[in-house]
Amino acid sequence: MGVLSIFQECRAQISVELIIVLAAVVAVVLILVSQLQETSNEGSKKLEETSKNVFKKIDDIK
C-alpha cells in the first residue's frame, strides 16, 4: 500500500505542475493576442490617416 500511495502522490504532483504550466502558457498567449490586436488597431488608424492624405492630395490636383 505504501508504494501505491507514493505513486498516486507523484501523479497528483505532476498534474498540479502541468496545470500551472498550462495556465502560464495561456496567460502568455492572451498577452500576445492583446498586443497584436493593439498593434493592428494602430496600423489601421495609420493606414486610414495616410489614405485620407492621399485622397486630399488627389483632390488638390484636380
N, C-alpha and C. Protein backbone atom coordinates (compact mmCIF):
# COMPACT_ATOMS: atom_id res chain seq x y z
N MET A 1 0.82 -1.20 0.00
CA MET A 1 0.00 0.00 0.00
C MET A 1 0.87 1.26 0.00
N GLY A 2 2.01 1.23 0.61
CA GLY A 2 2.87 2.41 0.68
C GLY A 2 3.36 2.85 -0.68
N VAL A 3 3.74 1.90 -1.54
CA VAL A 3 4.24 2.22 -2.87
C VAL A 3 3.12 2.81 -3.73
N LEU A 4 1.93 2.24 -3.62
CA LEU A 4 0.79 2.75 -4.39
C LEU A 4 0.46 4.18 -3.98
N SER A 5 0.52 4.44 -2.69
CA SER A 5 0.23 5.78 -2.17
C SER A 5 1.25 6.80 -2.70
N ILE A 6 2.53 6.41 -2.73
CA ILE A 6 3.58 7.30 -3.23
C ILE A 6 3.38 7.56 -4.72
N PHE A 7 3.02 6.51 -5.48
CA PHE A 7 2.79 6.64 -6.91
C PHE A 7 1.64 7.62 -7.19
N GLN A 8 0.55 7.49 -6.44
CA GLN A 8 -0.60 8.38 -6.64
C GLN A 8 -0.23 9.82 -6.27
N GLU A 9 0.59 9.97 -5.24
CA GLU A 9 1.02 11.31 -4.83
C GLU A 9 1.89 11.94 -5.91
N CYS A 10 2.75 11.16 -6.54
CA CYS A 10 3.60 11.67 -7.62
C CYS A 10 2.75 12.07 -8.81
N ARG A 11 1.73 11.26 -9.15
CA ARG A 11 0.84 11.59 -10.26
C ARG A 11 0.10 12.89 -9.97
N ALA A 12 -0.35 13.06 -8.74
CA ALA A 12 -1.06 14.28 -8.36
C ALA A 12 -0.13 15.49 -8.47
N GLN A 13 1.12 15.31 -8.06
CA GLN A 13 2.09 16.40 -8.14
C GLN A 13 2.35 16.79 -9.60
N ILE A 14 2.47 15.81 -10.46
CA ILE A 14 2.69 16.07 -11.88
C ILE A 14 1.47 16.79 -12.46
N SER A 15 0.29 16.40 -12.07
CA SER A 15 -0.92 17.04 -12.58
C SER A 15 -0.98 18.51 -12.16
N VAL A 16 -0.66 18.79 -10.92
CA VAL A 16 -0.67 20.16 -10.44
C VAL A 16 0.36 20.99 -11.19
N GLU A 17 1.55 20.44 -11.39
CA GLU A 17 2.59 21.17 -12.11
C GLU A 17 2.17 21.40 -13.56
N LEU A 18 1.52 20.42 -14.18
CA LEU A 18 1.06 20.56 -15.55
C LEU A 18 0.00 21.66 -15.65
N ILE A 19 -0.90 21.70 -14.69
CA ILE A 19 -1.93 22.74 -14.68
C ILE A 19 -1.30 24.12 -14.55
N ILE A 20 -0.28 24.24 -13.72
CA ILE A 20 0.40 25.53 -13.53
C ILE A 20 1.09 25.96 -14.82
N VAL A 21 1.77 25.02 -15.49
CA VAL A 21 2.45 25.33 -16.74
C VAL A 21 1.43 25.72 -17.81
N LEU A 22 0.34 25.00 -17.91
CA LEU A 22 -0.70 25.32 -18.89
C LEU A 22 -1.30 26.70 -18.63
N ALA A 23 -1.52 27.02 -17.37
CA ALA A 23 -2.06 28.34 -17.02
C ALA A 23 -1.08 29.45 -17.43
N ALA A 24 0.20 29.21 -17.23
CA ALA A 24 1.21 30.20 -17.63
C ALA A 24 1.23 30.37 -19.15
N VAL A 25 1.14 29.27 -19.87
CA VAL A 25 1.12 29.33 -21.33
C VAL A 25 -0.10 30.10 -21.82
N VAL A 26 -1.26 29.82 -21.24
CA VAL A 26 -2.49 30.53 -21.62
C VAL A 26 -2.35 32.02 -21.35
N ALA A 27 -1.76 32.38 -20.22
CA ALA A 27 -1.57 33.79 -19.88
C ALA A 27 -0.67 34.48 -20.90
N VAL A 28 0.41 33.82 -21.29
CA VAL A 28 1.32 34.41 -22.28
C VAL A 28 0.61 34.57 -23.62
N VAL A 29 -0.16 33.58 -24.02
CA VAL A 29 -0.89 33.66 -25.29
C VAL A 29 -1.89 34.82 -25.26
N LEU A 30 -2.59 34.98 -24.16
CA LEU A 30 -3.55 36.08 -24.05
C LEU A 30 -2.85 37.44 -24.13
N ILE A 31 -1.70 37.56 -23.51
CA ILE A 31 -0.95 38.82 -23.58
C ILE A 31 -0.51 39.09 -25.01
N LEU A 32 -0.01 38.06 -25.70
CA LEU A 32 0.43 38.25 -27.08
C LEU A 32 -0.73 38.63 -28.00
N VAL A 33 -1.88 37.99 -27.83
CA VAL A 33 -3.05 38.31 -28.64
C VAL A 33 -3.49 39.75 -28.40
N SER A 34 -3.48 40.15 -27.14
CA SER A 34 -3.86 41.51 -26.79
C SER A 34 -2.92 42.53 -27.46
N GLN A 35 -1.61 42.26 -27.42
CA GLN A 35 -0.65 43.17 -28.04
C GLN A 35 -0.82 43.20 -29.55
N LEU A 36 -1.09 42.05 -30.15
CA LEU A 36 -1.30 42.01 -31.60
C LEU A 36 -2.54 42.80 -32.01
N GLN A 37 -3.59 42.71 -31.21
CA GLN A 37 -4.80 43.48 -31.51
C GLN A 37 -4.52 44.97 -31.41
N GLU A 38 -3.77 45.37 -30.41
CA GLU A 38 -3.44 46.79 -30.24
C GLU A 38 -2.60 47.28 -31.42
N THR A 39 -1.62 46.49 -31.82
CA THR A 39 -0.78 46.85 -32.96
C THR A 39 -1.61 46.94 -34.23
N SER A 40 -2.54 46.02 -34.39
CA SER A 40 -3.42 46.02 -35.55
C SER A 40 -4.28 47.28 -35.59
N ASN A 41 -4.81 47.66 -34.46
CA ASN A 41 -5.63 48.88 -34.38
C ASN A 41 -4.81 50.12 -34.73
N GLU A 42 -3.58 50.18 -34.23
CA GLU A 42 -2.71 51.32 -34.53
C GLU A 42 -2.40 51.37 -36.02
N GLY A 43 -2.11 50.21 -36.61
CA GLY A 43 -1.82 50.16 -38.03
C GLY A 43 -3.02 50.57 -38.86
N SER A 44 -4.18 50.17 -38.45
CA SER A 44 -5.41 50.53 -39.16
C SER A 44 -5.63 52.04 -39.13
N LYS A 45 -5.41 52.65 -37.98
CA LYS A 45 -5.57 54.10 -37.87
C LYS A 45 -4.56 54.83 -38.75
N LYS A 46 -3.33 54.34 -38.76
CA LYS A 46 -2.28 54.96 -39.58
C LYS A 46 -2.61 54.83 -41.06
N LEU A 47 -3.10 53.67 -41.47
CA LEU A 47 -3.47 53.45 -42.87
C LEU A 47 -4.62 54.37 -43.27
N GLU A 48 -5.59 54.52 -42.39
CA GLU A 48 -6.73 55.41 -42.66
C GLU A 48 -6.25 56.85 -42.82
N GLU A 49 -5.36 57.26 -41.94
CA GLU A 49 -4.83 58.63 -42.00
C GLU A 49 -4.05 58.85 -43.30
N THR A 50 -3.24 57.89 -43.69
CA THR A 50 -2.45 58.01 -44.91
C THR A 50 -3.35 58.05 -46.14
N SER A 51 -4.37 57.20 -46.17
CA SER A 51 -5.27 57.20 -47.33
C SER A 51 -6.05 58.51 -47.43
N LYS A 52 -6.43 59.09 -46.30
CA LYS A 52 -7.11 60.39 -46.32
C LYS A 52 -6.20 61.45 -46.92
N ASN A 53 -4.92 61.43 -46.52
CA ASN A 53 -3.96 62.39 -47.05
C ASN A 53 -3.77 62.22 -48.55
N VAL A 54 -3.72 60.97 -49.01
CA VAL A 54 -3.56 60.71 -50.43
C VAL A 54 -4.76 61.24 -51.21
N PHE A 55 -5.96 60.95 -50.75
CA PHE A 55 -7.16 61.43 -51.44
C PHE A 55 -7.24 62.95 -51.42
N LYS A 56 -6.78 63.56 -50.33
CA LYS A 56 -6.76 65.01 -50.24
C LYS A 56 -5.83 65.59 -51.31
N LYS A 57 -4.66 64.98 -51.48
CA LYS A 57 -3.71 65.46 -52.48
C LYS A 57 -4.25 65.24 -53.89
N ILE A 58 -4.96 64.14 -54.10
CA ILE A 58 -5.58 63.89 -55.42
C ILE A 58 -6.61 64.96 -55.71
N ASP A 59 -7.42 65.34 -54.72
CA ASP A 59 -8.41 66.40 -54.91
C ASP A 59 -7.74 67.73 -55.21
N ASP A 60 -6.60 67.98 -54.58
CA ASP A 60 -5.87 69.23 -54.82
C ASP A 60 -5.36 69.31 -56.26
N ILE A 61 -5.05 68.16 -56.84
CA ILE A 61 -4.53 68.13 -58.21
C ILE A 61 -5.61 68.53 -59.21
N LYS A 62 -6.84 68.16 -58.95
CA LYS A 62 -7.95 68.42 -59.87
C LYS A 62 -8.17 69.86 -60.09
